[in-house]
Amino acid sequence: MKKSINIILCLSLLSATPVFAQGDDSALIKQLNTQWLQSYPKRDTAAVSKILADDFIMISQTGKKLSKNDVIKDLLTPDRQIINVAIDSMDLQIVNNVGLLTAYTSFVLRDKEKILKGKNVYSDVYIKRKGTWVAINGHETLLELK
């Protein structure tokens, strides 16, 4: 009887391990998403460079295909800068070593001399490579800009 209780206890602990690991992974991906968004007002190319995989591809709000280098270059565009961005809602699904994050955001943007407010939705795909989460794909949709 004692042996079967120990086996059941061990099995329950083993089955709980992925849940804890997935919880840690969830927190890490959400943190990466926040750092990525915060990098825009700061124009922090080093942070973006660490978050995006070298083979990262994004489909922009206008349907343009962007590489990691394109995203970093856009971050430094002198006539256009995101002043502030806030996450309105966020969902994250993780299956094995793949995370799909979908978020709605509100933002304030300076475009030349105009200040614009907008909302968008995006999905980012993260993958765990060699123990590190990196974004490999993204797609944005502009919902509103005034």
C-alpha atoms as a PDB file:
ATOM      1  CA  MET A   1       0.000   0.000   0.000  1.00  0.00           C
ATOM      2  CA  LYS A   2       2.784   2.424   0.977  1.00  0.00           C
ATOM      3  CA  LYS A   3       4.619   1.595  -2.262  1.00  0.00           C
ATOM      4  CA  SER A   4       1.549   2.374  -4.400  1.00  0.00           C
ATOM      5  CA  ILE A   5       1.044   5.704  -2.576  1.00  0.00           C
ATOM      6  CA  ASN A   6       4.671   6.619  -3.290  1.00  0.00           C
ATOM      7  CA  ILE A   7       4.232   5.704  -6.964  1.00  0.00           C
ATOM      8  CA  ILE A   8       1.064   7.802  -7.220  1.00  0.00           C
ATOM      9  CA  LEU A   9       2.804  10.700  -5.468  1.00  0.00           C
ATOM     10  CA  CYS A  10       5.808  10.470  -7.813  1.00  0.00           C
ATOM     11  CA  LEU A  11       3.570  10.319 -10.896  1.00  0.00           C
ATOM     12  CA  SER A  12       1.587  13.350  -9.757  1.00  0.00           C
ATOM     13  CA  LEU A  13       4.801  15.294  -9.195  1.00  0.00           C
ATOM     14  CA  LEU A  14       6.128  14.316 -12.610  1.00  0.00           C
ATOM     15  CA  SER A  15       2.920  15.329 -14.323  1.00  0.00           C
ATOM     16  CA  ALA A  16       2.970  18.712 -12.510  1.00  0.00           C
ATOM     17  CA  THR A  17       6.469  19.591 -13.684  1.00  0.00           C
ATOM     18  CA  PRO A  18       5.452  20.628 -17.227  1.00  0.00           C
ATOM     19  CA  VAL A  19       2.711  22.843 -15.790  1.00  0.00           C
ATOM     20  CA  PHE A  20       5.268  24.711 -13.664  1.00  0.00           C
ATOM     21  CA  ALA A  21       7.665  24.905 -16.603  1.00  0.00           C
ATOM     22  CA  GLN A  22       4.902  26.145 -18.878  1.00  0.00           C
ATOM     23  CA  GLY A  23       3.949  28.761 -16.271  1.00  0.00           C
ATOM     24  CA  ASP A  24       7.553  29.987 -16.242  1.00  0.00           C
ATOM     25  CA  ASP A  25       7.583  29.981 -20.049  1.00  0.00           C
ATOM     26  CA  SER A  26       4.340  31.930 -20.109  1.00  0.00           C
ATOM     27  CA  ALA A  27       5.791  34.580 -17.809  1.00  0.00           C
ATOM     28  CA  LEU A  28       8.948  34.792 -19.929  1.00  0.00           C
ATOM     29  CA  ILE A  29       7.066  35.229 -23.209  1.00  0.00           C
ATOM     30  CA  LYS A  30       4.810  37.895 -21.684  1.00  0.00           C
ATOM     31  CA  GLN A  31       7.889  39.671 -20.349  1.00  0.00           C
ATOM     32  CA  LEU A  32       9.512  39.554 -23.812  1.00  0.00           C
ATOM     33  CA  ASN A  33       6.345  40.999 -25.324  1.00  0.00           C
ATOM     34  CA  THR A  34       6.358  43.853 -22.799  1.00  0.00           C
ATOM     35  CA  GLN A  35      10.069  44.550 -23.389  1.00  0.00           C
ATOM     36  CA  TRP A  36       9.480  44.565 -27.139  1.00  0.00           C
ATOM     37  CA  LEU A  37       6.666  47.109 -26.820  1.00  0.00           C
ATOM     38  CA  GLN A  38       8.663  49.260 -24.386  1.00  0.00           C
ATOM     39  CA  SER A  39      11.587  49.288 -26.817  1.00  0.00           C
ATOM     40  CA  TYR A  40       9.631  51.433 -29.314  1.00  0.00           C
ATOM     41  CA  PRO A  41       9.399  54.670 -27.279  1.00  0.00           C
ATOM     42  CA  LYS A  42      12.994  54.161 -26.119  1.00  0.00           C
ATOM     43  CA  ARG A  43      14.214  53.186 -29.610  1.00  0.00           C
ATOM     44  CA  ASP A  44      16.043  50.335 -27.896  1.00  0.00           C
ATOM     45  CA  THR A  45      17.432  48.336 -30.813  1.00  0.00           C
ATOM     46  CA  ALA A  46      19.529  46.120 -28.506  1.00  0.00           C
ATOM     47  CA  ALA A  47      16.408  44.822 -26.744  1.00  0.00           C
ATOM     48  CA  VAL A  48      14.604  44.152 -30.031  1.00  0.00           C
ATOM     49  CA  SER A  49      17.676  42.430 -31.431  1.00  0.00           C
ATOM     50  CA  LYS A  50      17.676  39.971 -28.512  1.00  0.00           C
ATOM     51  CA  ILE A  51      13.944  39.257 -28.724  1.00  0.00           C
ATOM     52  CA  LEU A  52      13.716  38.684 -32.490  1.00  0.00           C
ATOM     53  CA  ALA A  53      15.294  35.605 -34.049  1.00  0.00           C
ATOM     54  CA  ASP A  54      17.668  36.247 -36.938  1.00  0.00           C
ATOM     55  CA  ASP A  55      15.127  34.593 -39.268  1.00  0.00           C
ATOM     56  CA  PHE A  56      12.207  36.661 -37.898  1.00  0.00           C
ATOM     57  CA  ILE A  57       9.522  37.692 -40.415  1.00  0.00           C
ATOM     58  CA  MET A  58       6.697  40.160 -39.784  1.00  0.00           C
ATOM     59  CA  ILE A  59       3.747  41.174 -41.892  1.00  0.00           C
ATOM     60  CA  SER A  60       3.178  44.866 -41.175  1.00  0.00           C
ATOM     61  CA  GLN A  61      -0.107  46.742 -40.891  1.00  0.00           C
ATOM     62  CA  THR A  62       0.224  47.631 -44.583  1.00  0.00           C
ATOM     63  CA  GLY A  63       0.919  44.040 -45.649  1.00  0.00           C
ATOM     64  CA  LYS A  64       4.651  44.572 -46.125  1.00  0.00           C
ATOM     65  CA  LYS A  65       6.983  41.673 -45.297  1.00  0.00           C
ATOM     66  CA  LEU A  66       9.664  42.810 -42.820  1.00  0.00           C
ATOM     67  CA  SER A  67      12.827  41.062 -41.653  1.00  0.00           C
ATOM     68  CA  LYS A  68      14.469  41.508 -38.261  1.00  0.00           C
ATOM     69  CA  ASN A  69      16.755  44.155 -39.773  1.00  0.00           C
ATOM     70  CA  ASP A  70      13.757  45.974 -41.286  1.00  0.00           C
ATOM     71  CA  VAL A  71      12.003  46.089 -37.896  1.00  0.00           C
ATOM     72  CA  ILE A  72      15.129  47.467 -36.217  1.00  0.00           C
ATOM     73  CA  LYS A  73      15.590  50.034 -38.986  1.00  0.00           C
ATOM     74  CA  ASP A  74      11.932  51.130 -38.686  1.00  0.00           C
ATOM     75  CA  LEU A  75      12.460  51.612 -34.955  1.00  0.00           C
ATOM     76  CA  LEU A  76      14.952  54.371 -35.779  1.00  0.00           C
ATOM     77  CA  THR A  77      12.893  56.197 -38.431  1.00  0.00           C
ATOM     78  CA  PRO A  78      13.433  59.876 -37.530  1.00  0.00           C
ATOM     79  CA  ASP A  79      10.027  61.194 -38.710  1.00  0.00           C
ATOM     80  CA  ARG A  80       7.981  58.549 -36.902  1.00  0.00           C
ATOM     81  CA  GLN A  81       8.109  57.372 -33.300  1.00  0.00           C
ATOM     82  CA  ILE A  82       5.790  55.562 -30.940  1.00  0.00           C
ATOM     83  CA  ILE A  83       5.551  57.754 -27.854  1.00  0.00           C
ATOM     84  CA  ASN A  84       3.538  55.385 -25.699  1.00  0.00           C
ATOM     85  CA  VAL A  85       1.984  51.933 -26.033  1.00  0.00           C
ATOM     86  CA  ALA A  86      -0.303  50.045 -23.646  1.00  0.00           C
ATOM     87  CA  ILE A  87      -1.517  46.465 -23.725  1.00  0.00           C
ATOM     88  CA  ASP A  88      -5.312  46.387 -23.618  1.00  0.00           C
ATOM     89  CA  SER A  89      -5.571  42.595 -23.552  1.00  0.00           C
ATOM     90  CA  MET A  90      -3.320  39.632 -24.196  1.00  0.00           C
ATOM     91  CA  ASP A  91      -3.750  35.898 -24.741  1.00  0.00           C
ATOM     92  CA  LEU A  92      -0.995  33.302 -24.874  1.00  0.00           C
ATOM     93  CA  GLN A  93      -1.075  29.674 -25.922  1.00  0.00           C
ATOM     94  CA  ILE A  94       1.946  27.421 -25.514  1.00  0.00           C
ATOM     95  CA  VAL A  95       2.265  24.017 -27.139  1.00  0.00           C
ATOM     96  CA  ASN A  96       5.578  22.260 -26.581  1.00  0.00           C
ATOM     97  CA  ASN A  97       8.251  24.791 -27.611  1.00  0.00           C
ATOM     98  CA  VAL A  98       5.948  27.148 -29.511  1.00  0.00           C
ATOM     99  CA  GLY A  99       4.089  30.110 -28.039  1.00  0.00           C
ATOM    100  CA  LEU A 100       1.390  32.106 -29.836  1.00  0.00           C
ATOM    101  CA  LEU A 101       0.762  35.513 -28.295  1.00  0.00           C
ATOM    102  CA  THR A 102      -2.153  37.673 -29.423  1.00  0.00           C
ATOM    103  CA  ALA A 103      -2.574  41.166 -28.029  1.00  0.00           C
ATOM    104  CA  TYR A 104      -4.625  44.306 -28.488  1.00  0.00           C
ATOM    105  CA  THR A 105      -2.807  47.569 -27.853  1.00  0.00           C
ATOM    106  CA  SER A 106      -3.460  51.297 -27.757  1.00  0.00           C
ATOM    107  CA  PHE A 107      -0.674  53.642 -28.773  1.00  0.00           C
ATOM    108  CA  VAL A 108       0.307  57.270 -29.252  1.00  0.00           C
ATOM    109  CA  LEU A 109       2.436  57.980 -32.301  1.00  0.00           C
ATOM    110  CA  ARG A 110       4.341  61.011 -33.519  1.00  0.00           C
ATOM    111  CA  ASP A 111       4.302  61.142 -37.315  1.00  0.00           C
ATOM    112  CA  LYS A 112       6.407  64.100 -38.395  1.00  0.00           C
ATOM    113  CA  GLU A 113       4.745  66.909 -36.413  1.00  0.00           C
ATOM    114  CA  LYS A 114       1.367  65.205 -35.864  1.00  0.00           C
ATOM    115  CA  ILE A 115       0.393  63.286 -32.746  1.00  0.00           C
ATOM    116  CA  LEU A 116      -1.884  60.354 -33.560  1.00  0.00           C
ATOM    117  CA  LYS A 117      -3.673  57.819 -31.378  1.00  0.00           C
ATOM    118  CA  GLY A 118      -4.381  54.320 -32.515  1.00  0.00           C
ATOM    119  CA  LYS A 119      -5.275  50.739 -31.721  1.00  0.00           C
ATOM    120  CA  ASN A 120      -3.972  47.548 -33.219  1.00  0.00           C
ATOM    121  CA  VAL A 121      -4.001  43.805 -32.780  1.00  0.00           C
ATOM    122  CA  TYR A 122      -1.085  41.509 -33.423  1.00  0.00           C
ATOM    123  CA  SER A 123      -0.044  37.894 -33.191  1.00  0.00           C
ATOM    124  CA  ASP A 124       3.533  36.861 -32.524  1.00  0.00           C
ATOM    125  CA  VAL A 125       4.952  33.361 -32.689  1.00  0.00           C
ATOM    126  CA  TYR A 126       7.712  32.530 -30.223  1.00  0.00           C
ATOM    127  CA  ILE A 127       9.840  29.399 -30.310  1.00  0.00           C
ATOM    128  CA  LYS A 128      12.168  28.019 -27.687  1.00  0.00           C
ATOM    129  CA  ARG A 129      15.602  27.487 -29.232  1.00  0.00           C
ATOM    130  CA  LYS A 130      18.434  26.110 -27.124  1.00  0.00           C
ATOM    131  CA  GLY A 131      16.470  26.979 -23.974  1.00  0.00           C
ATOM    132  CA  THR A 132      15.756  30.595 -25.007  1.00  0.00           C
ATOM    133  CA  TRP A 133      12.472  32.033 -26.263  1.00  0.00           C
ATOM    134  CA  VAL A 134      12.713  34.161 -29.428  1.00  0.00           C
ATOM    135  CA  ALA A 135      10.081  35.661 -31.711  1.00  0.00           C
ATOM    136  CA  ILE A 136      10.119  34.109 -35.183  1.00  0.00           C
ATOM    137  CA  ASN A 137       6.985  35.563 -36.751  1.00  0.00           C
ATOM    138  CA  GLY A 138       4.569  38.438 -36.309  1.00  0.00           C
ATOM    139  CA  HIS A 139       1.491  39.873 -37.972  1.00  0.00           C
ATOM    140  CA  GLU A 140      -0.096  43.265 -37.203  1.00  0.00           C
ATOM    141  CA  THR A 141      -3.491  44.683 -38.038  1.00  0.00           C
ATOM    142  CA  LEU A 142      -4.259  48.382 -37.564  1.00  0.00           C
ATOM    143  CA  LEU A 143      -7.712  48.824 -36.063  1.00  0.00           C
ATOM    144  CA  GLU A 144      -7.871  52.598 -35.635  1.00  0.00           C
ATOM    145  CA  LEU A 145      -5.724  55.694 -36.199  1.00  0.00           C
ATOM    146  CA  LYS A 146      -6.879  59.257 -35.503  1.00  0.00           C
END
